[in-house]
Amino acid sequence: MLIILLLLILFRLLLQVFDAAVGDIAIVTDRTKIVDFTQPYIESGLVVVAPVKKLKSHAWAFLRPFTPMMWGVTAFFFLFVGAVVWILEHRSNDEFRGPPKEQIVTVLW
C-alpha cells in the first residue's frame, strides 16, 4: 500500500500536479531520473523531492535565490551592523581610528 502511494506521489510530481513532496522517500536510481532530491543536513530520514527543472546557469546565478528587495535589505543590515560596531569601537580601539577612507574600509570589513 505504501509503495503504491509513493509511486502515485512521484507520478503526480512528474505530471506537475505537485511541486514537491516531503517525507521518508528512498533515493533510488529510477527516481533520480525524474525528480531532484535534496541532500539532508542531518540524518533524519526525511528529504524533499522536487521536479527536475533545467535552468540556464551563468556567473550571476547566486543572486537567483533572493529578490532584489531581499538583497537590498541584506546590504542595508550589513552596513548597519558595520556602522554600529565602528561606533562602539572607535573610541577604545586604535584599529578603528585614522583617515576617513580607512574608516569606511573598516566598517565594510
C-alpha atoms as a PDB file:
ATOM      1  CA  MET A   1       0.000   0.000   0.000  1.00  0.00           C
ATOM      2  CA  LEU A   2       2.804   2.407   0.913  1.00  0.00           C
ATOM      3  CA  ILE A   3       4.670   1.641  -2.308  1.00  0.00           C
ATOM      4  CA  ILE A   4       1.565   2.396  -4.386  1.00  0.00           C
ATOM      5  CA  LEU A   5       1.103   5.703  -2.555  1.00  0.00           C
ATOM      6  CA  LEU A   6       4.744   6.613  -3.107  1.00  0.00           C
ATOM      7  CA  LEU A   7       4.531   5.783  -6.817  1.00  0.00           C
ATOM      8  CA  LEU A   8       1.352   7.860  -7.085  1.00  0.00           C
ATOM      9  CA  ILE A   9       3.114  10.845  -5.485  1.00  0.00           C
ATOM     10  CA  LEU A  10       6.124  10.514  -7.782  1.00  0.00           C
ATOM     11  CA  PHE A  11       3.829  10.183 -10.815  1.00  0.00           C
ATOM     12  CA  ARG A  12       1.988  13.363  -9.832  1.00  0.00           C
ATOM     13  CA  LEU A  13       5.311  15.143  -9.452  1.00  0.00           C
ATOM     14  CA  LEU A  14       6.173  14.063 -12.978  1.00  0.00           C
ATOM     15  CA  LEU A  15       2.819  15.360 -14.271  1.00  0.00           C
ATOM     16  CA  GLN A  16       3.432  18.632 -12.378  1.00  0.00           C
ATOM     17  CA  VAL A  17       0.321  18.200 -10.245  1.00  0.00           C
ATOM     18  CA  PHE A  18       2.570  18.582  -7.171  1.00  0.00           C
ATOM     19  CA  ASP A  19       5.500  20.978  -6.862  1.00  0.00           C
ATOM     20  CA  ALA A  20       7.271  18.993  -4.149  1.00  0.00           C
ATOM     21  CA  ALA A  21       6.934  16.080  -1.762  1.00  0.00           C
ATOM     22  CA  VAL A  22       8.269  15.843   1.774  1.00  0.00           C
ATOM     23  CA  GLY A  23       8.585  12.572   3.616  1.00  0.00           C
ATOM     24  CA  ASP A  24      10.503   9.382   4.094  1.00  0.00           C
ATOM     25  CA  ILE A  25      11.243   8.698   0.412  1.00  0.00           C
ATOM     26  CA  ALA A  26      14.175   6.461  -0.521  1.00  0.00           C
ATOM     27  CA  ILE A  27      16.572   7.820  -3.143  1.00  0.00           C
ATOM     28  CA  VAL A  28      16.953   5.210  -5.901  1.00  0.00           C
ATOM     29  CA  THR A  29      18.316   5.458  -9.437  1.00  0.00           C
ATOM     30  CA  ASP A  30      14.959   5.366 -11.241  1.00  0.00           C
ATOM     31  CA  ARG A  31      13.572   8.172  -9.088  1.00  0.00           C
ATOM     32  CA  THR A  32      16.606  10.422  -9.615  1.00  0.00           C
ATOM     33  CA  LYS A  33      15.868  10.420 -13.345  1.00  0.00           C
ATOM     34  CA  ILE A  34      12.505  12.157 -12.896  1.00  0.00           C
ATOM     35  CA  VAL A  35      12.920  14.286  -9.736  1.00  0.00           C
ATOM     36  CA  ASP A  36      15.655  16.121  -7.807  1.00  0.00           C
ATOM     37  CA  PHE A  37      16.359  15.094  -4.224  1.00  0.00           C
ATOM     38  CA  THR A  38      17.813  17.401  -1.586  1.00  0.00           C
ATOM     39  CA  GLN A  39      20.785  16.258   0.425  1.00  0.00           C
ATOM     40  CA  PRO A  40      19.975  16.066   4.155  1.00  0.00           C
ATOM     41  CA  TYR A  41      21.823  18.355   6.573  1.00  0.00           C
ATOM     42  CA  ILE A  42      21.352  15.852   9.371  1.00  0.00           C
ATOM     43  CA  GLU A  43      20.305  12.235   9.241  1.00  0.00           C
ATOM     44  CA  SER A  44      16.591  12.479   9.921  1.00  0.00           C
ATOM     45  CA  GLY A  45      15.367  10.141   7.196  1.00  0.00           C
ATOM     46  CA  LEU A  46      13.346  12.960   5.590  1.00  0.00           C
ATOM     47  CA  VAL A  47      14.083  14.502   2.187  1.00  0.00           C
ATOM     48  CA  VAL A  48      12.375  16.992  -0.126  1.00  0.00           C
ATOM     49  CA  VAL A  49      11.576  15.858  -3.663  1.00  0.00           C
ATOM     50  CA  ALA A  50      11.006  18.430  -6.413  1.00  0.00           C
ATOM     51  CA  PRO A  51      10.608  18.122 -10.187  1.00  0.00           C
ATOM     52  CA  VAL A  52      13.715  18.499 -12.326  1.00  0.00           C
ATOM     53  CA  LYS A  53      13.923  21.974 -13.828  1.00  0.00           C
ATOM     54  CA  LYS A  54      16.527  22.864 -16.419  1.00  0.00           C
ATOM     55  CA  LEU A  55      17.835  26.376 -15.728  1.00  0.00           C
ATOM     56  CA  LYS A  56      20.487  28.230 -17.651  1.00  0.00           C
ATOM     57  CA  SER A  57      23.460  28.823 -15.389  1.00  0.00           C
ATOM     58  CA  HIS A  58      25.509  31.987 -15.553  1.00  0.00           C
ATOM     59  CA  ALA A  59      28.033  33.880 -13.444  1.00  0.00           C
ATOM     60  CA  TRP A  60      25.304  35.723 -11.507  1.00  0.00           C
ATOM     61  CA  ALA A  61      23.248  32.607 -10.691  1.00  0.00           C
ATOM     62  CA  PHE A  62      23.979  33.051  -6.971  1.00  0.00           C
ATOM     63  CA  LEU A  63      21.650  36.090  -6.985  1.00  0.00           C
ATOM     64  CA  ARG A  64      18.647  33.996  -8.064  1.00  0.00           C
ATOM     65  CA  PRO A  65      17.523  32.718  -4.606  1.00  0.00           C
ATOM     66  CA  PHE A  66      16.663  36.221  -3.336  1.00  0.00           C
ATOM     67  CA  THR A  67      14.578  39.036  -4.796  1.00  0.00           C
ATOM     68  CA  PRO A  68      16.212  42.451  -5.345  1.00  0.00           C
ATOM     69  CA  MET A  69      14.347  43.707  -2.254  1.00  0.00           C
ATOM     70  CA  MET A  70      15.857  40.945  -0.114  1.00  0.00           C
ATOM     71  CA  TRP A  71      19.367  41.726  -1.426  1.00  0.00           C
ATOM     72  CA  GLY A  72      18.746  45.398  -0.585  1.00  0.00           C
ATOM     73  CA  VAL A  73      17.662  44.552   2.966  1.00  0.00           C
ATOM     74  CA  THR A  74      20.701  42.284   3.364  1.00  0.00           C
ATOM     75  CA  ALA A  75      23.059  45.049   2.156  1.00  0.00           C
ATOM     76  CA  PHE A  76      21.396  47.582   4.471  1.00  0.00           C
ATOM     77  CA  PHE A  77      21.844  45.381   7.536  1.00  0.00           C
ATOM     78  CA  PHE A  78      25.430  44.574   6.518  1.00  0.00           C
ATOM     79  CA  LEU A  79      26.239  48.309   6.503  1.00  0.00           C
ATOM     80  CA  PHE A  80      24.139  48.982   9.611  1.00  0.00           C
ATOM     81  CA  VAL A  81      25.935  46.339  11.703  1.00  0.00           C
ATOM     82  CA  GLY A  82      29.324  47.582  10.427  1.00  0.00           C
ATOM     83  CA  ALA A  83      28.431  51.152  11.449  1.00  0.00           C
ATOM     84  CA  VAL A  84      27.227  50.048  14.901  1.00  0.00           C
ATOM     85  CA  VAL A  85      30.450  48.091  15.521  1.00  0.00           C
ATOM     86  CA  TRP A  86      32.508  51.093  14.372  1.00  0.00           C
ATOM     87  CA  ILE A  87      30.567  53.478  16.667  1.00  0.00           C
ATOM     88  CA  LEU A  88      31.084  51.187  19.654  1.00  0.00           C
ATOM     89  CA  GLU A  89      34.776  50.508  18.933  1.00  0.00           C
ATOM     90  CA  HIS A  90      36.306  53.699  17.505  1.00  0.00           C
ATOM     91  CA  ARG A  91      36.867  55.396  20.879  1.00  0.00           C
ATOM     92  CA  SER A  92      38.585  52.484  22.603  1.00  0.00           C
ATOM     93  CA  ASN A  93      40.254  50.578  19.742  1.00  0.00           C
ATOM     94  CA  ASP A  94      43.178  52.094  17.800  1.00  0.00           C
ATOM     95  CA  GLU A  95      42.395  49.991  14.722  1.00  0.00           C
ATOM     96  CA  PHE A  96      39.125  51.909  14.353  1.00  0.00           C
ATOM     97  CA  ARG A  97      40.886  55.294  14.046  1.00  0.00           C
ATOM     98  CA  GLY A  98      42.572  57.068  11.144  1.00  0.00           C
ATOM     99  CA  PRO A  99      41.638  58.807   7.897  1.00  0.00           C
ATOM    100  CA  PRO A 100      38.024  58.566   6.635  1.00  0.00           C
ATOM    101  CA  LYS A 101      38.979  56.252   3.753  1.00  0.00           C
ATOM    102  CA  GLU A 102      40.409  53.697   6.195  1.00  0.00           C
ATOM    103  CA  GLN A 103      37.344  54.030   8.431  1.00  0.00           C
ATOM    104  CA  ILE A 104      34.992  53.208   5.550  1.00  0.00           C
ATOM    105  CA  VAL A 105      37.063  50.115   4.786  1.00  0.00           C
ATOM    106  CA  THR A 106      36.937  49.199   8.483  1.00  0.00           C
ATOM    107  CA  VAL A 107      33.126  49.475   8.512  1.00  0.00           C
ATOM    108  CA  LEU A 108      32.904  47.240   5.438  1.00  0.00           C
ATOM    109  CA  TRP A 109      35.399  44.744   6.861  1.00  0.00           C
END
